[in-house]
């Protein structure tokens, strides 16, 4: 009885492998490009954790996971990082304009969803205009974004800044 169970588990483990990006060489598959929305410059179907899945097609004649592919069948999905723009659409130009012209009243922070800091800026005249100048720089460099952790809604030719990390 135990030998039958052991043989069954060994057989199912060897045949239940599936095709993924680590089981193929880069020349054995082709992944589609991310579909970008022309208006917001963000990937279509980007999730809040800033990931979008794109389909990958193993090339014709590649055998992966026990399946022979024809080049037109999706073998797996690859996760790609993207900019997350939610439905509220915090516009970068509006936030920067509010910061420059009405930042001493805290309207920029109210617009971005930081009501407490906006009220504090309103009651102290923009932290005596020093906070006003700091916020113009922080919003201009896109360091301060919307409170819901989404990215700014920027037009197609707008100034999208991407962070670079060194590992």
C-alpha atoms as a PDB file:
ATOM      1  CA  UNK A   1       0.000   0.000   0.000  1.00  0.00           C
ATOM      2  CA  UNK A   2       2.764   2.459   0.942  1.00  0.00           C
ATOM      3  CA  UNK A   3       4.726   1.689  -2.202  1.00  0.00           C
ATOM      4  CA  UNK A   4       1.688   2.535  -4.346  1.00  0.00           C
ATOM      5  CA  UNK A   5       1.280   5.894  -2.548  1.00  0.00           C
ATOM      6  CA  UNK A   6       5.012   6.612  -2.865  1.00  0.00           C
ATOM      7  CA  UNK A   7       5.051   5.787  -6.577  1.00  0.00           C
ATOM      8  CA  UNK A   8       1.922   7.888  -7.113  1.00  0.00           C
ATOM      9  CA  UNK A   9       3.461  10.949  -5.417  1.00  0.00           C
ATOM     10  CA  UNK A  10       6.710  10.565  -7.348  1.00  0.00           C
ATOM     11  CA  UNK A  11       4.822  10.254 -10.639  1.00  0.00           C
ATOM     12  CA  UNK A  12       2.576  13.287  -9.986  1.00  0.00           C
ATOM     13  CA  UNK A  13       5.527  15.431  -8.880  1.00  0.00           C
ATOM     14  CA  UNK A  14       7.502  14.698 -12.025  1.00  0.00           C
ATOM     15  CA  UNK A  15       4.614  15.332 -14.425  1.00  0.00           C
ATOM     16  CA  UNK A  16       2.969  18.267 -12.643  1.00  0.00           C
ATOM     17  CA  UNK A  17       5.710  20.713 -13.533  1.00  0.00           C
ATOM     18  CA  UNK A  18       4.494  23.735 -15.421  1.00  0.00           C
ATOM     19  CA  UNK A  19       6.106  26.221 -17.720  1.00  0.00           C
ATOM     20  CA  UNK A  20       7.528  29.370 -16.125  1.00  0.00           C
ATOM     21  CA  UNK A  21      10.145  32.000 -16.783  1.00  0.00           C
ATOM     22  CA  UNK A  22      12.866  30.155 -14.851  1.00  0.00           C
ATOM     23  CA  UNK A  23      12.466  26.913 -16.801  1.00  0.00           C
ATOM     24  CA  UNK A  24      13.253  28.476 -20.194  1.00  0.00           C
ATOM     25  CA  UNK A  25      16.140  30.396 -21.715  1.00  0.00           C
ATOM     26  CA  UNK A  26      15.405  34.015 -22.733  1.00  0.00           C
ATOM     27  CA  UNK A  27      15.502  33.066 -26.417  1.00  0.00           C
ATOM     28  CA  UNK A  28      12.867  30.350 -25.984  1.00  0.00           C
ATOM     29  CA  UNK A  29       9.929  32.626 -25.226  1.00  0.00           C
ATOM     30  CA  UNK A  30       8.523  36.016 -26.170  1.00  0.00           C
ATOM     31  CA  UNK A  31       6.572  38.211 -23.754  1.00  0.00           C
ATOM     32  CA  UNK A  32       4.177  40.898 -24.894  1.00  0.00           C
ATOM     33  CA  UNK A  33       4.858  44.531 -24.129  1.00  0.00           C
ATOM     34  CA  UNK A  34       2.934  46.264 -21.370  1.00  0.00           C
ATOM     35  CA  UNK A  35      -0.147  48.043 -22.724  1.00  0.00           C
ATOM     36  CA  UNK A  36       0.220  51.705 -21.729  1.00  0.00           C
ATOM     37  CA  UNK A  37      -2.712  54.097 -21.444  1.00  0.00           C
ATOM     38  CA  UNK A  38      -1.912  57.117 -23.637  1.00  0.00           C
ATOM     39  CA  UNK A  39      -3.596  59.573 -21.291  1.00  0.00           C
ATOM     40  CA  UNK A  40      -2.165  58.557 -17.903  1.00  0.00           C
ATOM     41  CA  UNK A  41       1.165  57.037 -18.993  1.00  0.00           C
ATOM     42  CA  UNK A  42       0.488  54.042 -16.765  1.00  0.00           C
ATOM     43  CA  UNK A  43       0.000  50.395 -17.575  1.00  0.00           C
ATOM     44  CA  UNK A  44      -3.532  49.177 -18.158  1.00  0.00           C
ATOM     45  CA  UNK A  45      -4.701  46.861 -15.319  1.00  0.00           C
ATOM     46  CA  UNK A  46      -1.881  47.902 -12.976  1.00  0.00           C
ATOM     47  CA  UNK A  47      -2.667  46.763  -9.418  1.00  0.00           C
ATOM     48  CA  UNK A  48      -2.135  48.757  -6.227  1.00  0.00           C
ATOM     49  CA  UNK A  49       1.052  46.805  -5.504  1.00  0.00           C
ATOM     50  CA  UNK A  50       2.430  48.204  -8.800  1.00  0.00           C
ATOM     51  CA  UNK A  51       2.477  44.900 -10.699  1.00  0.00           C
ATOM     52  CA  UNK A  52       0.928  44.049 -14.064  1.00  0.00           C
ATOM     53  CA  UNK A  53       0.985  40.584 -15.649  1.00  0.00           C
ATOM     54  CA  UNK A  54       1.898  40.205 -19.319  1.00  0.00           C
ATOM     55  CA  UNK A  55       1.437  36.972 -21.280  1.00  0.00           C
ATOM     56  CA  UNK A  56       4.503  35.092 -22.488  1.00  0.00           C
ATOM     57  CA  UNK A  57       4.519  32.715 -25.434  1.00  0.00           C
ATOM     58  CA  UNK A  58       7.065  29.889 -25.699  1.00  0.00           C
ATOM     59  CA  UNK A  59       8.444  29.656 -29.237  1.00  0.00           C
ATOM     60  CA  UNK A  60       7.336  27.020 -31.716  1.00  0.00           C
ATOM     61  CA  UNK A  61       8.728  23.580 -30.894  1.00  0.00           C
ATOM     62  CA  UNK A  62       9.662  24.393 -27.285  1.00  0.00           C
ATOM     63  CA  UNK A  63       8.624  21.705 -24.838  1.00  0.00           C
ATOM     64  CA  UNK A  64       7.999  23.063 -21.380  1.00  0.00           C
ATOM     65  CA  UNK A  65       6.183  21.324 -18.564  1.00  0.00           C
ATOM     66  CA  UNK A  66       5.484  18.370 -20.803  1.00  0.00           C
ATOM     67  CA  UNK A  67       3.621  20.501 -23.361  1.00  0.00           C
ATOM     68  CA  UNK A  68       4.853  21.250 -26.886  1.00  0.00           C
ATOM     69  CA  UNK A  69       4.082  24.866 -27.775  1.00  0.00           C
ATOM     70  CA  UNK A  70       3.224  26.288 -31.174  1.00  0.00           C
ATOM     71  CA  UNK A  71       4.256  29.919 -30.582  1.00  0.00           C
ATOM     72  CA  UNK A  72       0.673  31.197 -30.332  1.00  0.00           C
ATOM     73  CA  UNK A  73      -0.300  29.648 -26.977  1.00  0.00           C
ATOM     74  CA  UNK A  74       0.256  31.436 -23.676  1.00  0.00           C
ATOM     75  CA  UNK A  75       2.710  29.452 -21.580  1.00  0.00           C
ATOM     76  CA  UNK A  76       2.907  31.666 -18.507  1.00  0.00           C
ATOM     77  CA  UNK A  77       2.556  35.245 -17.273  1.00  0.00           C
ATOM     78  CA  UNK A  78       5.420  37.544 -16.336  1.00  0.00           C
ATOM     79  CA  UNK A  79       5.002  40.186 -13.616  1.00  0.00           C
ATOM     80  CA  UNK A  80       6.250  43.647 -14.586  1.00  0.00           C
ATOM     81  CA  UNK A  81       6.431  46.746 -12.389  1.00  0.00           C
ATOM     82  CA  UNK A  82       4.220  49.677 -13.338  1.00  0.00           C
ATOM     83  CA  UNK A  83       2.918  53.064 -12.191  1.00  0.00           C
ATOM     84  CA  UNK A  84      -0.345  52.770 -10.230  1.00  0.00           C
ATOM     85  CA  UNK A  85      -2.903  55.473 -11.004  1.00  0.00           C
ATOM     86  CA  UNK A  86      -6.201  54.924  -9.235  1.00  0.00           C
ATOM     87  CA  UNK A  87      -9.614  56.189 -10.270  1.00  0.00           C
ATOM     88  CA  UNK A  88      -9.418  59.485  -8.344  1.00  0.00           C
ATOM     89  CA  UNK A  89      -6.653  60.773 -10.636  1.00  0.00           C
ATOM     90  CA  UNK A  90      -4.568  63.220  -8.686  1.00  0.00           C
ATOM     91  CA  UNK A  91      -3.173  65.435 -11.444  1.00  0.00           C
ATOM     92  CA  UNK A  92       0.462  66.431 -11.131  1.00  0.00           C
ATOM     93  CA  UNK A  93      -0.059  69.823 -12.758  1.00  0.00           C
ATOM     94  CA  UNK A  94      -2.945  70.693 -10.451  1.00  0.00           C
ATOM     95  CA  UNK A  95      -0.966  69.682  -7.361  1.00  0.00           C
ATOM     96  CA  UNK A  96       2.064  71.699  -8.448  1.00  0.00           C
ATOM     97  CA  UNK A  97      -0.075  74.715  -9.380  1.00  0.00           C
ATOM     98  CA  UNK A  98      -1.863  74.636  -6.036  1.00  0.00           C
ATOM     99  CA  UNK A  99       1.477  74.347  -4.281  1.00  0.00           C
ATOM    100  CA  UNK A 100       2.986  77.344  -6.094  1.00  0.00           C
ATOM    101  CA  UNK A 101       0.016  79.720  -5.893  1.00  0.00           C
ATOM    102  CA  UNK A 102      -1.952  78.563  -2.844  1.00  0.00           C
ATOM    103  CA  UNK A 103       0.553  76.451  -0.915  1.00  0.00           C
ATOM    104  CA  UNK A 104       0.735  78.978   1.908  1.00  0.00           C
ATOM    105  CA  UNK A 105      -2.956  78.213   2.526  1.00  0.00           C
ATOM    106  CA  UNK A 106      -2.359  74.455   2.494  1.00  0.00           C
ATOM    107  CA  UNK A 107      -4.586  73.798  -0.523  1.00  0.00           C
ATOM    108  CA  UNK A 108      -1.950  71.551  -2.100  1.00  0.00           C
ATOM    109  CA  UNK A 109      -1.956  69.230   0.911  1.00  0.00           C
ATOM    110  CA  UNK A 110      -5.753  69.231   1.084  1.00  0.00           C
ATOM    111  CA  UNK A 111      -5.875  68.266  -2.601  1.00  0.00           C
ATOM    112  CA  UNK A 112      -3.425  65.390  -2.089  1.00  0.00           C
ATOM    113  CA  UNK A 113      -5.387  64.067   0.902  1.00  0.00           C
ATOM    114  CA  UNK A 114      -3.211  65.267   3.782  1.00  0.00           C
ATOM    115  CA  UNK A 115      -5.891  67.198   5.680  1.00  0.00           C
ATOM    116  CA  UNK A 116      -3.970  67.547   8.959  1.00  0.00           C
ATOM    117  CA  UNK A 117      -0.879  69.045   7.313  1.00  0.00           C
ATOM    118  CA  UNK A 118      -3.107  71.239   5.143  1.00  0.00           C
ATOM    119  CA  UNK A 119      -4.864  72.604   8.225  1.00  0.00           C
ATOM    120  CA  UNK A 120      -1.531  73.197   9.931  1.00  0.00           C
ATOM    121  CA  UNK A 121      -0.191  75.035   6.878  1.00  0.00           C
ATOM    122  CA  UNK A 122      -3.382  77.094   6.715  1.00  0.00           C
ATOM    123  CA  UNK A 123      -3.160  78.145  10.359  1.00  0.00           C
ATOM    124  CA  UNK A 124       0.572  78.995  10.247  1.00  0.00           C
ATOM    125  CA  UNK A 125       0.632  80.692   6.806  1.00  0.00           C
ATOM    126  CA  UNK A 126       2.491  77.775   5.224  1.00  0.00           C
ATOM    127  CA  UNK A 127       4.805  77.243   8.201  1.00  0.00           C
ATOM    128  CA  UNK A 128       5.752  80.925   7.874  1.00  0.00           C
ATOM    129  CA  UNK A 129       6.335  80.436   4.089  1.00  0.00           C
ATOM    130  CA  UNK A 130       9.226  78.041   4.700  1.00  0.00           C
ATOM    131  CA  UNK A 131       6.948  74.987   4.440  1.00  0.00           C
ATOM    132  CA  UNK A 132       5.413  76.512   1.333  1.00  0.00           C
ATOM    133  CA  UNK A 133       8.795  76.601  -0.417  1.00  0.00           C
ATOM    134  CA  UNK A 134       9.694  73.089   0.774  1.00  0.00           C
ATOM    135  CA  UNK A 135       6.385  71.714  -0.522  1.00  0.00           C
ATOM    136  CA  UNK A 136       6.935  73.292  -3.952  1.00  0.00           C
ATOM    137  CA  UNK A 137      10.227  71.406  -4.184  1.00  0.00           C
ATOM    138  CA  UNK A 138       8.812  68.128  -2.799  1.00  0.00           C
ATOM    139  CA  UNK A 139       5.783  68.138  -5.088  1.00  0.00           C
ATOM    140  CA  UNK A 140       7.848  69.321  -8.060  1.00  0.00           C
ATOM    141  CA  UNK A 141      10.260  66.412  -7.617  1.00  0.00           C
ATOM    142  CA  UNK A 142       7.318  64.014  -7.033  1.00  0.00           C
ATOM    143  CA  UNK A 143       8.646  63.030  -3.610  1.00  0.00           C
ATOM    144  CA  UNK A 144       5.309  63.901  -2.005  1.00  0.00           C
ATOM    145  CA  UNK A 145       2.453  62.160  -3.775  1.00  0.00           C
ATOM    146  CA  UNK A 146      -1.201  61.440  -3.069  1.00  0.00           C
ATOM    147  CA  UNK A 147      -2.082  60.143   0.376  1.00  0.00           C
ATOM    148  CA  UNK A 148      -3.596  56.931  -1.035  1.00  0.00           C
ATOM    149  CA  UNK A 149      -0.088  55.857  -2.188  1.00  0.00           C
ATOM    150  CA  UNK A 150      -0.982  56.070  -5.874  1.00  0.00           C
ATOM    151  CA  UNK A 151       1.106  57.851  -8.488  1.00  0.00           C
ATOM    152  CA  UNK A 152       0.264  61.169 -10.085  1.00  0.00           C
ATOM    153  CA  UNK A 153      -1.949  61.265 -13.136  1.00  0.00           C
ATOM    154  CA  UNK A 154       0.386  62.765 -15.738  1.00  0.00           C
ATOM    155  CA  UNK A 155      -0.293  63.506 -19.399  1.00  0.00           C
ATOM    156  CA  UNK A 156       1.523  61.642 -22.145  1.00  0.00           C
ATOM    157  CA  UNK A 157       4.391  64.105 -22.496  1.00  0.00           C
ATOM    158  CA  UNK A 158       4.456  64.984 -18.795  1.00  0.00           C
ATOM    159  CA  UNK A 159       7.466  64.795 -16.476  1.00  0.00           C
ATOM    160  CA  UNK A 160       7.364  61.271 -15.053  1.00  0.00           C
ATOM    161  CA  UNK A 161      10.225  60.713 -12.601  1.00  0.00           C
ATOM    162  CA  UNK A 162      11.380  57.169 -11.911  1.00  0.00           C
ATOM    163  CA  UNK A 163      13.469  56.219  -8.898  1.00  0.00           C
ATOM    164  CA  UNK A 164      16.701  54.317  -9.412  1.00  0.00           C
ATOM    165  CA  UNK A 165      18.045  51.881  -6.833  1.00  0.00           C
ATOM    166  CA  UNK A 166      21.466  50.301  -6.551  1.00  0.00           C
ATOM    167  CA  UNK A 167      21.595  46.808  -5.127  1.00  0.00           C
END
